[in-house]
Amino acid sequence: MPETTTPSKPVAGRFLPPLLLLLTVFGPISMDLYLPALPALTVELGAATSIAQLTVTACLIGLAAGQLIAGPISDQFGRRGILRLGVAAYIVTSALCAISPSVEVLIIARLVQGLTGGVGIVIAQAAGRDVHSGGELIRFYGRLTVVGACAAIVGPLLGGLLTALVDWRGLFVVLAVIGAGILIATLLIFTETLPADHRVRGGFAQTMRDYRTLLADRVFLGALLNQGFLWAAVFAYLAGATYVLQNIYGLSPQWYAAAFGLNSAGFAFFGWLGGRGAERWSITGTLAIGILVAGGGAAGLLISGLTPMPLWVVIASLFFLAGGVAISSAPASTLALADYPRMAGTASSLLGTVRYGFGGVAAPFVGIAGATSILPLGVVTVVAVLLGASACLLFARRHAPAAATMVGTAETTAMAGTAETTPPP
């Protein structure tokens, strides 16, 4: 059952919301900066395509597991300490990636890098829930999507440009430098958003009870699985697009980065549009539109795998696939987290875990036919979107309208410290 009361919200400093948005770059920048150099990395380390893609998978699994660990810990001990530790460890592991002597060592280092990077992602979502509510909360999650997309734009573009100056090892050094900049900002700006009297007590046993509470909520579970499957499609795209656009269509790393940047710009725009639609029109309606748009893009990739298509068809399909997932992010995040202010870290950790975990499982399948076929990418993305739609229909259809009403109205009173209206069981 959702929580029935909301603790009074801490006052956010002027620079705290921008810092929370900045923390969302850990995921996309860790994934995207070195993607233009992935084919070169594959050759230098003498690895098969599917093995090299495990460096993507390892990071995704690490990002998922890191959130699963950091979220509950932050609910019990506060956000600031775990955040500082995570960012510092991210810097160290990025440096370890840069000096990896083999693909096997790199895979392990990428796993640890993901574990540490997951801390920043989950704290951004949880601390945002600490300080925002109502329409402000929906707008915040819309901005998270946009900022993440902007990082996704900058990552491959910067990576493509840097490949003219440094090899793939140098790209991991850049990630360490970015982490150092975020650590400095965190030390100077981040204030504790979860006061001691608002924290969860009870240790590991309470964490397990919180997980059971969340997973028993059909709205939360529906939004959770929907996002897991849709983001599996996105990460399949991230793992496969570099080979499709460079190996099959012959784009240089710089032109690949430009094509990727175009699609990421669409992701940012559609993420903003999804947040506005969820706030001003309908949370569940906006989510449905996102699924339909993503489905159209996935279908285009499947068709391109079945019969040769020009480059613009593939790029347009990738554009709509990513855009549809972006539209879904703000409404689904709001449905998942709005009812649980006291366990926002735990709820955020589950949401982040399924997004990156499902993505980690999906990513290797796009390379199953080697680097010269689009068909596996088309099949994986179509199946993922269909499963995402099914999750929404099976678990959220009957209950989501009540949750949407609660988000739009009852959260306003929660800001004053009054009881929060809950959806029917």
Protein backbone atom coordinates (compact mmCIF):
# COMPACT_ATOMS: atom_id res chain seq x y z
CA MET A 1 0.00 0.00 0.00
CA PRO A 2 1.22 3.54 -0.65
CA GLU A 3 2.29 5.64 2.28
CA THR A 4 -0.51 7.67 3.82
CA THR A 5 1.53 10.59 5.13
CA THR A 6 4.21 12.78 3.69
CA PRO A 7 6.96 14.27 5.84
CA SER A 8 7.44 18.00 5.63
CA LYS A 9 9.84 18.78 2.85
CA PRO A 10 13.31 20.22 3.45
CA VAL A 11 14.12 23.57 1.95
CA ALA A 12 16.34 23.16 -1.12
CA GLY A 13 19.27 25.48 -1.63
CA ARG A 14 19.41 27.62 -4.74
CA PHE A 15 21.95 25.41 -6.51
CA LEU A 16 20.72 22.03 -5.28
CA PRO A 17 18.17 21.32 -8.06
CA PRO A 18 20.72 22.02 -10.84
CA LEU A 19 23.21 19.73 -9.07
CA LEU A 20 20.62 16.94 -8.88
CA LEU A 21 20.10 17.27 -12.61
CA LEU A 22 23.87 17.17 -13.14
CA LEU A 23 24.08 13.88 -11.24
CA THR A 24 21.97 12.24 -13.94
CA VAL A 25 24.91 12.46 -16.39
CA PHE A 26 26.60 9.46 -14.73
CA GLY A 27 24.55 6.94 -16.68
CA PRO A 28 24.57 8.41 -20.20
CA ILE A 29 28.09 9.83 -20.06
CA SER A 30 29.52 6.53 -18.79
CA MET A 31 27.75 4.70 -21.61
CA ASP A 32 28.06 7.12 -24.50
CA LEU A 33 31.44 8.83 -24.36
CA TYR A 34 33.42 5.77 -25.51
CA LEU A 35 30.82 4.29 -27.90
CA PRO A 36 32.40 5.89 -31.01
CA ALA A 37 35.64 4.10 -30.11
CA LEU A 38 34.02 0.73 -29.40
CA PRO A 39 34.95 -0.79 -32.80
CA ALA A 40 38.56 0.36 -32.35
CA LEU A 41 38.59 -1.03 -28.81
CA THR A 42 37.32 -4.35 -30.19
CA VAL A 43 40.23 -4.55 -32.66
CA GLU A 44 42.96 -3.40 -30.26
CA LEU A 45 42.03 -5.88 -27.54
CA GLY A 46 41.46 -8.68 -30.06
CA ALA A 47 37.92 -9.33 -28.84
CA ALA A 48 34.85 -10.64 -30.64
CA THR A 49 32.04 -8.12 -31.18
CA SER A 50 29.75 -9.78 -28.65
CA ILE A 51 32.55 -9.89 -26.05
CA ALA A 52 33.40 -6.21 -26.56
CA GLN A 53 29.72 -5.38 -26.09
CA LEU A 54 29.97 -6.97 -22.66
CA THR A 55 31.83 -3.81 -21.63
CA VAL A 56 28.49 -2.08 -22.23
CA THR A 57 26.55 -4.82 -20.46
CA ALA A 58 28.89 -4.80 -17.45
CA CYS A 59 28.43 -1.07 -16.98
CA LEU A 60 24.65 -1.41 -17.24
CA ILE A 61 24.55 -4.22 -14.69
CA GLY A 62 26.79 -2.18 -12.40
CA LEU A 63 24.57 0.87 -12.74
CA ALA A 64 21.56 -1.28 -11.86
CA ALA A 65 23.18 -2.98 -8.85
CA GLY A 66 24.71 0.26 -7.60
CA GLN A 67 21.28 1.87 -7.44
CA LEU A 68 19.79 -1.18 -5.74
CA ILE A 69 22.40 -0.88 -2.99
CA ALA A 70 22.63 2.90 -2.65
CA GLY A 71 18.89 3.66 -2.59
CA PRO A 72 17.97 1.78 0.60
CA ILE A 73 21.19 2.87 2.31
CA SER A 74 20.36 6.52 1.58
CA ASP A 75 16.84 6.04 3.01
CA GLN A 76 18.38 4.86 6.28
CA PHE A 77 21.51 7.01 6.61
CA GLY A 78 20.85 10.05 4.42
CA ARG A 79 21.79 11.06 0.90
CA ARG A 80 24.96 13.12 1.29
CA GLY A 81 27.48 10.61 2.67
CA ILE A 82 26.72 7.82 0.21
CA LEU A 83 26.77 10.31 -2.67
CA ARG A 84 30.25 11.60 -1.83
CA LEU A 85 31.59 8.07 -1.47
CA GLY A 86 30.06 6.97 -4.77
CA VAL A 87 31.42 9.89 -6.80
CA ALA A 88 34.93 9.49 -5.35
CA ALA A 89 34.93 5.77 -6.18
CA TYR A 90 33.70 6.55 -9.71
CA ILE A 91 36.81 8.63 -10.35
CA VAL A 92 39.11 5.81 -9.25
CA THR A 93 37.37 3.11 -11.29
CA SER A 94 37.30 5.29 -14.42
CA ALA A 95 41.08 5.52 -14.15
CA LEU A 96 41.27 1.73 -13.77
CA CYS A 97 39.28 1.33 -17.00
CA ALA A 98 41.85 3.48 -18.78
CA ILE A 99 44.73 1.18 -17.86
CA SER A 100 42.97 -2.17 -18.43
CA PRO A 101 45.37 -4.56 -20.25
CA SER A 102 42.69 -6.89 -21.66
CA VAL A 103 39.01 -6.96 -22.48
CA GLU A 104 38.37 -9.26 -19.50
CA VAL A 105 39.90 -6.76 -17.08
CA LEU A 106 38.03 -3.93 -18.77
CA ILE A 107 34.71 -5.76 -18.34
CA ILE A 108 35.35 -6.11 -14.60
CA ALA A 109 36.44 -2.47 -14.30
CA ARG A 110 33.33 -1.35 -16.18
CA LEU A 111 31.17 -3.34 -13.77
CA VAL A 112 32.70 -1.53 -10.80
CA GLN A 113 32.47 1.81 -12.62
CA GLY A 114 28.76 1.17 -13.08
CA LEU A 115 28.33 0.27 -9.41
CA THR A 116 29.81 3.59 -8.34
CA GLY A 117 28.03 5.60 -11.03
CA GLY A 118 24.66 4.20 -9.99
CA VAL A 119 24.92 6.08 -6.69
CA GLY A 120 24.64 9.49 -8.37
CA ILE A 121 21.63 8.43 -10.45
CA VAL A 122 19.57 7.09 -7.57
CA ILE A 123 20.41 10.01 -5.28
CA ALA A 124 19.29 12.45 -7.99
CA GLN A 125 15.86 10.81 -8.17
CA ALA A 126 15.46 10.27 -4.44
CA ALA A 127 16.64 13.74 -3.39
CA GLY A 128 14.37 15.23 -6.04
CA ARG A 129 11.46 13.40 -4.41
CA ASP A 130 12.64 14.77 -1.05
CA VAL A 131 12.32 18.39 -2.15
CA HIS A 132 9.59 18.34 -4.84
CA SER A 133 5.93 17.30 -5.01
CA GLY A 134 2.81 17.70 -7.16
CA GLY A 135 3.26 19.32 -10.55
CA GLU A 136 6.74 20.42 -9.49
CA LEU A 137 7.69 16.75 -9.09
CA ILE A 138 6.47 15.90 -12.60
CA ARG A 139 8.43 18.83 -14.04
CA PHE A 140 11.53 17.71 -12.18
CA TYR A 141 11.37 14.21 -13.63
CA GLY A 142 10.81 15.71 -17.06
CA ARG A 143 13.97 17.77 -16.59
CA LEU A 144 15.88 14.66 -15.49
CA THR A 145 15.00 13.09 -18.82
CA VAL A 146 16.05 16.19 -20.75
CA VAL A 147 19.36 16.60 -18.93
CA GLY A 148 20.14 12.91 -19.33
CA ALA A 149 19.47 13.28 -23.04
CA CYS A 150 21.71 16.35 -23.25
CA ALA A 151 24.47 14.29 -21.66
CA ALA A 152 23.75 11.60 -24.24
CA ILE A 153 24.16 14.25 -26.96
CA VAL A 154 27.40 15.62 -25.54
CA GLY A 155 28.83 12.15 -24.78
CA PRO A 156 29.08 10.66 -28.29
CA LEU A 157 29.77 14.03 -29.89
CA LEU A 158 32.62 14.66 -27.48
CA GLY A 159 33.76 11.05 -27.82
CA GLY A 160 33.74 11.30 -31.60
CA LEU A 161 35.78 14.49 -31.50
CA LEU A 162 38.20 13.12 -28.92
CA THR A 163 38.90 9.99 -30.99
CA ALA A 164 40.83 12.29 -33.32
CA LEU A 165 43.11 13.18 -30.38
CA VAL A 166 43.16 10.22 -28.00
CA ASP A 167 42.43 6.50 -28.09
CA TRP A 168 39.71 4.75 -26.10
CA ARG A 169 41.90 4.78 -22.98
CA GLY A 170 42.02 8.55 -23.11
CA LEU A 171 38.22 8.63 -23.17
CA PHE A 172 38.12 6.91 -19.78
CA VAL A 173 40.55 9.51 -18.46
CA VAL A 174 38.04 12.14 -19.57
CA LEU A 175 35.34 10.30 -17.58
CA ALA A 176 37.57 10.47 -14.49
CA VAL A 177 37.99 14.22 -14.99
CA ILE A 178 34.22 14.67 -15.34
CA GLY A 179 33.75 12.70 -12.13
CA ALA A 180 36.26 14.97 -10.35
CA GLY A 181 34.30 18.03 -11.44
CA ILE A 182 31.06 16.54 -10.12
CA LEU A 183 32.75 15.62 -6.83
CA ILE A 184 33.87 19.23 -6.32
CA ALA A 185 30.34 20.47 -7.04
CA THR A 186 28.90 17.89 -4.64
CA LEU A 187 31.25 18.91 -1.82
CA LEU A 188 30.41 22.60 -2.29
CA ILE A 189 26.68 22.44 -2.98
CA PHE A 190 24.92 19.26 -1.88
CA THR A 191 23.10 19.61 1.42
CA GLU A 192 21.32 16.75 3.16
CA THR A 193 17.79 16.44 1.78
CA LEU A 194 16.60 13.68 4.13
CA PRO A 195 16.65 14.85 7.77
CA ALA A 196 17.38 12.27 10.46
CA ASP A 197 13.81 12.19 11.74
CA HIS A 198 12.51 11.32 8.25
CA ARG A 199 14.79 8.33 7.68
CA VAL A 200 13.76 4.70 7.58
CA ARG A 201 14.74 2.55 10.56
CA GLY A 202 15.16 -1.18 10.83
CA GLY A 203 18.17 -2.06 8.71
CA PHE A 204 18.12 -4.85 6.16
CA ALA A 205 14.85 -6.34 7.44
CA GLN A 206 13.08 -3.03 6.90
CA THR A 207 14.55 -2.77 3.40
CA MET A 208 13.06 -6.17 2.55
CA ARG A 209 9.68 -5.05 3.94
CA ASP A 210 9.87 -1.90 1.82
CA TYR A 211 10.61 -3.96 -1.29
CA ARG A 212 7.59 -6.16 -0.58
CA THR A 213 5.39 -3.09 -0.08
CA LEU A 214 6.51 -1.57 -3.37
CA LEU A 215 6.24 -4.74 -5.43
CA ALA A 216 2.76 -5.46 -4.05
CA ASP A 217 1.53 -2.12 -5.45
CA ARG A 218 0.15 -2.79 -8.95
CA VAL A 219 0.69 0.80 -10.10
CA PHE A 220 4.33 0.78 -8.97
CA LEU A 221 4.94 -2.66 -10.46
CA GLY A 222 3.32 -1.73 -13.77
CA ALA A 223 5.38 1.46 -14.10
CA LEU A 224 8.51 -0.42 -13.01
CA LEU A 225 8.23 -3.19 -15.62
CA ASN A 226 7.15 -0.75 -18.31
CA GLN A 227 10.30 1.28 -17.83
CA GLY A 228 12.51 -1.79 -17.57
CA PHE A 229 11.39 -3.12 -20.95
CA LEU A 230 11.38 0.26 -22.72
CA TRP A 231 14.86 1.10 -21.49
CA ALA A 232 16.01 -2.36 -22.57
CA ALA A 233 15.11 -1.19 -26.09
CA VAL A 234 17.12 2.02 -25.59
CA PHE A 235 20.22 0.22 -24.36
CA ALA A 236 19.96 -2.30 -27.18
CA TYR A 237 20.05 0.75 -29.45
CA LEU A 238 23.09 2.12 -27.60
CA ALA A 239 24.95 -1.17 -27.93
CA GLY A 240 24.01 -1.84 -31.55
CA ALA A 241 23.81 1.53 -33.27
CA THR A 242 27.56 2.08 -33.36
CA TYR A 243 28.04 -1.14 -35.38
CA VAL A 244 24.98 -0.55 -37.57
CA LEU A 245 25.91 3.01 -38.51
CA GLN A 246 29.69 2.56 -38.78
CA ASN A 247 30.13 -1.02 -40.03
CA ILE A 248 27.01 -1.41 -42.17
CA TYR A 249 26.47 2.14 -43.41
CA GLY A 250 30.12 3.22 -43.31
CA LEU A 251 29.85 6.31 -41.12
CA SER A 252 33.04 7.64 -39.55
CA PRO A 253 33.15 8.00 -35.74
CA GLN A 254 32.51 11.72 -36.16
CA TRP A 255 29.48 11.22 -38.43
CA TYR A 256 28.22 8.49 -36.13
CA ALA A 257 28.47 10.96 -33.26
CA ALA A 258 26.51 13.52 -35.30
CA ALA A 259 23.75 10.99 -36.07
CA PHE A 260 23.68 9.90 -32.46
CA GLY A 261 23.54 13.54 -31.37
CA LEU A 262 20.52 14.15 -33.60
CA ASN A 263 18.66 11.25 -32.03
CA SER A 264 19.68 12.37 -28.56
CA ALA A 265 18.40 15.86 -29.30
CA GLY A 266 15.08 14.23 -30.16
CA PHE A 267 15.27 12.34 -26.87
CA ALA A 268 15.70 15.63 -25.01
CA PHE A 269 12.81 17.30 -26.85
CA PHE A 270 10.46 14.36 -26.39
CA GLY A 271 11.47 14.08 -22.73
CA TRP A 272 10.47 17.72 -22.20
CA LEU A 273 7.26 17.11 -24.14
CA GLY A 274 6.48 14.06 -22.02
CA GLY A 275 6.88 16.03 -18.81
CA ARG A 276 4.62 18.82 -20.07
CA GLY A 277 2.01 16.36 -21.30
CA ALA A 278 1.98 14.44 -18.01
CA GLU A 279 1.62 17.64 -15.99
CA ARG A 280 -0.96 19.47 -18.08
CA TRP A 281 -2.92 16.68 -19.79
CA SER A 282 -2.74 13.08 -18.57
CA ILE A 283 -0.05 10.98 -16.93
CA THR A 284 -1.34 7.68 -18.27
CA GLY A 285 -2.26 9.14 -21.67
CA THR A 286 1.24 10.55 -22.10
CA LEU A 287 2.70 7.18 -21.13
CA ALA A 288 0.57 5.45 -23.77
CA ILE A 289 1.71 7.88 -26.47
CA GLY A 290 5.33 7.21 -25.54
CA ILE A 291 4.81 3.47 -25.98
CA LEU A 292 3.21 3.97 -29.40
CA VAL A 293 6.01 6.24 -30.65
CA ALA A 294 8.69 3.84 -29.41
CA GLY A 295 6.83 0.96 -31.07
CA GLY A 296 6.88 2.77 -34.41
CA GLY A 297 10.64 3.24 -34.21
CA ALA A 298 11.23 -0.39 -33.24
CA ALA A 299 9.06 -1.56 -36.14
CA GLY A 300 11.17 0.53 -38.53
CA LEU A 301 14.33 -1.18 -37.29
CA LEU A 302 12.75 -4.60 -37.71
CA ILE A 303 11.74 -3.80 -41.29
CA SER A 304 15.27 -2.52 -41.98
CA GLY A 305 16.63 -5.84 -40.76
CA LEU A 306 14.28 -7.83 -42.98
CA THR A 307 14.93 -5.83 -46.14
CA PRO A 308 17.67 -3.29 -46.99
CA MET A 309 16.64 0.28 -46.23
CA PRO A 310 18.40 3.63 -46.82
CA LEU A 311 20.32 5.24 -43.99
CA TRP A 312 17.65 7.88 -43.29
CA VAL A 313 15.08 5.18 -42.49
CA VAL A 314 17.35 3.64 -39.87
CA ILE A 315 18.20 7.00 -38.31
CA ALA A 316 14.51 7.99 -38.24
CA SER A 317 13.61 4.67 -36.62
CA LEU A 318 16.26 5.16 -33.94
CA PHE A 319 14.99 8.71 -33.45
CA PHE A 320 11.41 7.63 -32.75
CA LEU A 321 12.45 4.66 -30.63
CA ALA A 322 14.47 6.88 -28.32
CA GLY A 323 11.85 9.66 -28.43
CA GLY A 324 9.05 7.34 -27.39
CA VAL A 325 11.00 6.09 -24.39
CA ALA A 326 11.77 9.70 -23.45
CA ILE A 327 8.06 10.58 -23.52
CA SER A 328 7.34 7.71 -21.14
CA SER A 329 10.00 8.54 -18.55
CA ALA A 330 8.42 11.43 -16.63
CA PRO A 331 4.90 9.95 -16.33
CA ALA A 332 6.18 6.48 -15.42
CA SER A 333 8.65 7.86 -12.84
CA THR A 334 5.88 9.94 -11.29
CA LEU A 335 3.52 6.96 -11.07
CA ALA A 336 6.27 4.88 -9.48
CA LEU A 337 7.57 7.37 -6.90
CA ALA A 338 4.85 9.87 -6.01
CA ASP A 339 3.18 7.66 -3.38
CA TYR A 340 6.37 6.86 -1.46
CA PRO A 341 8.10 9.95 -0.01
CA ARG A 342 9.62 8.10 2.95
CA MET A 343 11.15 5.33 0.84
CA ALA A 344 12.02 7.40 -2.23
CA GLY A 345 15.55 6.01 -2.28
CA THR A 346 14.36 2.41 -2.24
CA ALA A 347 11.69 3.07 -4.87
CA SER A 348 14.20 4.96 -7.04
CA SER A 349 16.70 2.13 -6.70
CA LEU A 350 14.21 -0.41 -8.01
CA LEU A 351 13.27 1.87 -10.90
CA GLY A 352 16.89 2.46 -11.84
CA THR A 353 17.77 -1.20 -11.37
CA VAL A 354 15.21 -2.48 -13.83
CA ARG A 355 16.06 0.25 -16.36
CA TYR A 356 19.75 -0.55 -16.42
CA GLY A 357 19.45 -4.23 -15.50
CA PHE A 358 17.01 -5.05 -18.28
CA GLY A 359 19.21 -3.00 -20.60
CA GLY A 360 22.24 -5.01 -19.57
CA VAL A 361 20.45 -8.25 -20.43
CA ALA A 362 19.20 -6.95 -23.80
CA ALA A 363 22.44 -5.33 -25.04
CA PRO A 364 24.43 -8.51 -25.91
CA PHE A 365 21.64 -9.90 -28.10
CA VAL A 366 22.06 -7.17 -30.70
CA GLY A 367 25.51 -8.53 -31.55
CA ILE A 368 24.48 -12.16 -31.77
CA ALA A 369 24.69 -12.13 -35.59
CA GLY A 370 27.96 -10.19 -35.65
CA ALA A 371 28.53 -6.59 -36.72
CA THR A 372 26.90 -6.75 -40.15
CA SER A 373 23.18 -7.33 -39.42
CA ILE A 374 20.43 -4.98 -38.20
CA LEU A 375 17.90 -7.76 -37.69
CA PRO A 376 18.83 -8.66 -34.08
CA LEU A 377 18.49 -4.99 -33.09
CA GLY A 378 15.05 -4.85 -34.71
CA VAL A 379 13.87 -8.05 -33.03
CA VAL A 380 15.15 -7.05 -29.57
CA THR A 381 13.60 -3.58 -29.67
CA VAL A 382 10.22 -4.77 -30.97
CA VAL A 383 9.98 -7.48 -28.32
CA ALA A 384 11.04 -5.05 -25.59
CA VAL A 385 8.44 -2.43 -26.54
CA LEU A 386 5.69 -5.06 -26.75
CA LEU A 387 6.60 -6.33 -23.29
CA GLY A 388 6.66 -2.75 -21.97
CA ALA A 389 3.17 -2.15 -23.33
CA SER A 390 1.93 -5.43 -21.88
CA ALA A 391 3.32 -4.57 -18.44
CA CYS A 392 1.43 -1.30 -18.46
CA LEU A 393 -1.83 -2.96 -19.51
CA LEU A 394 -1.56 -5.86 -17.08
CA PHE A 395 -0.52 -4.00 -13.94
CA ALA A 396 -1.37 -0.31 -14.21
CA ARG A 397 -4.55 -0.01 -16.28
CA ARG A 398 -7.16 -0.22 -13.53
CA HIS A 399 -5.22 1.61 -10.86
CA ALA A 400 -3.18 4.29 -12.64
CA PRO A 401 -6.05 6.83 -13.09
CA ALA A 402 -6.45 7.11 -9.32
CA ALA A 403 -2.71 7.55 -8.91
CA ALA A 404 -2.69 10.22 -11.59
CA THR A 405 -5.44 12.12 -9.77
CA MET A 406 -3.51 11.87 -6.53
CA VAL A 407 -0.35 13.26 -8.13
CA GLY A 408 -2.17 16.23 -9.56
CA THR A 409 -4.17 17.19 -6.47
CA ALA A 410 -3.37 15.52 -3.17
CA GLU A 411 0.36 16.24 -3.45
CA THR A 412 -0.50 19.93 -3.15
CA THR A 413 -1.80 19.38 0.36
CA ALA A 414 1.13 17.10 1.16
CA MET A 415 3.43 20.09 0.72
CA ALA A 416 1.71 21.66 3.72
CA GLY A 417 2.33 18.53 5.77
CA THR A 418 -1.23 17.24 5.69
CA ALA A 419 -2.33 13.68 4.98
CA GLU A 420 -1.85 12.48 1.43
CA THR A 421 -4.79 10.95 -0.45
CA THR A 422 -4.12 7.37 -1.53
CA PRO A 423 -5.52 5.33 -4.40
CA PRO A 424 -7.92 2.46 -3.61
CA PRO A 425 -6.32 -0.97 -3.05
